[in-house]
Structure formats: structure tokens, C-alpha cells
Amino acid sequence: MTIQLINYKTKKDLKNNIGQELNYKETNIFKNEYKENGTVIGCNFDRSFFAKITIENNIIKKVS
């Protein structure tokens, strides 16, 4: 699990993008933490929400 900076204003916006690729910004300068298959934890720029995002083959499958 990693923390990513995701480019969505609300969790609802993120959920509306299930079936699409995740729009994110890598936050670790030493290595890429994004996973093509797996689960990541993300937050928006303001940190007004956090989300657990399940990704399969670079596609958002589930948001909780």
C-alpha cells in the first residue's frame, strides 16, 4: 500500500471514474510506488478525503 496524490476533487469524482485509468501524481522521488495490479491509498491535494483504490491492469476496479 502506498499513498498517492490523486487528481480528483471529491471521492464521488473518483468513484465516477471506475473503469478508467487512475489520474495521479507520483509522490516518491526515489521510486515509483504506483501498482498496475493491487491496492493503493490515495488522497487529494487538500487531503480532504482518502481512498483505498483497487487497480487491475491499470484500471480502477473499486474505491472505498
Protein backbone atom coordinates (compact mmCIF):
# COMPACT_ATOMS: atom_id res chain seq x y z
CA MET A 1 0.00 0.00 0.00
CA THR A 2 1.19 3.44 -0.84
CA ILE A 3 -0.07 6.96 -0.64
CA GLN A 4 -0.59 8.68 -3.97
CA LEU A 5 -1.66 12.22 -4.75
CA ILE A 6 -4.78 11.70 -6.84
CA ASN A 7 -6.22 14.37 -9.10
CA TYR A 8 -9.90 14.25 -8.15
CA LYS A 9 -11.79 16.94 -6.21
CA THR A 10 -14.06 14.52 -4.35
CA LYS A 11 -14.31 10.83 -3.61
CA LYS A 12 -17.50 10.82 -5.70
CA ASP A 13 -15.49 12.09 -8.70
CA LEU A 14 -13.03 9.26 -8.13
CA LYS A 15 -15.83 6.68 -7.93
CA ASN A 16 -17.33 8.04 -11.15
CA ASN A 17 -14.05 7.10 -12.86
CA ILE A 18 -14.21 3.38 -12.08
CA GLY A 19 -13.30 1.62 -15.31
CA GLN A 20 -10.78 4.33 -16.24
CA GLU A 21 -7.06 4.76 -15.57
CA LEU A 22 -6.15 6.48 -12.30
CA ASN A 23 -5.22 10.16 -12.65
CA TYR A 24 -2.44 10.55 -10.07
CA LYS A 25 0.88 12.19 -9.34
CA GLU A 26 3.78 10.14 -8.03
CA THR A 27 4.92 11.43 -4.63
CA ASN A 28 8.07 9.39 -4.04
CA ILE A 29 11.19 10.85 -5.68
CA PHE A 30 13.22 7.65 -5.22
CA LYS A 31 10.97 5.06 -6.88
CA ASN A 32 7.57 4.66 -8.49
CA GLU A 33 5.05 3.38 -5.96
CA TYR A 34 2.13 3.03 -8.35
CA LYS A 35 0.98 -0.57 -8.87
CA GLU A 36 -0.56 -1.80 -12.12
CA ASN A 37 -2.32 -4.52 -10.12
CA GLY A 38 -3.07 -4.15 -6.44
CA THR A 39 -4.28 -1.66 -3.89
CA VAL A 40 -3.08 1.87 -3.21
CA ILE A 41 -4.16 4.51 -0.73
CA GLY A 42 -4.67 7.96 -2.20
CA CYS A 43 -5.68 11.43 -1.15
CA ASN A 44 -6.46 14.63 -3.00
CA PHE A 45 -4.24 17.71 -2.86
CA ASP A 46 -6.16 19.27 0.05
CA ARG A 47 -6.26 15.93 1.89
CA SER A 48 -9.99 16.39 2.38
CA PHE A 49 -10.51 12.70 1.61
CA PHE A 50 -8.55 9.46 1.49
CA ALA A 51 -9.50 6.43 -0.59
CA LYS A 52 -8.46 2.82 -0.86
CA ILE A 53 -8.26 2.10 -4.59
CA THR A 54 -8.11 -1.36 -6.15
CA ILE A 55 -6.44 -1.40 -9.56
CA GLU A 56 -6.34 -4.25 -12.11
CA ASN A 57 -4.38 -3.87 -15.36
CA ASN A 58 -4.09 -0.09 -14.79
CA ILE A 59 -7.90 0.26 -14.49
CA ILE A 60 -9.73 1.39 -11.35
CA LYS A 61 -11.88 -1.54 -10.19
CA LYS A 62 -13.01 -0.47 -6.72
CA VAL A 63 -12.95 2.62 -4.49
CA SER A 64 -13.66 2.56 -0.76
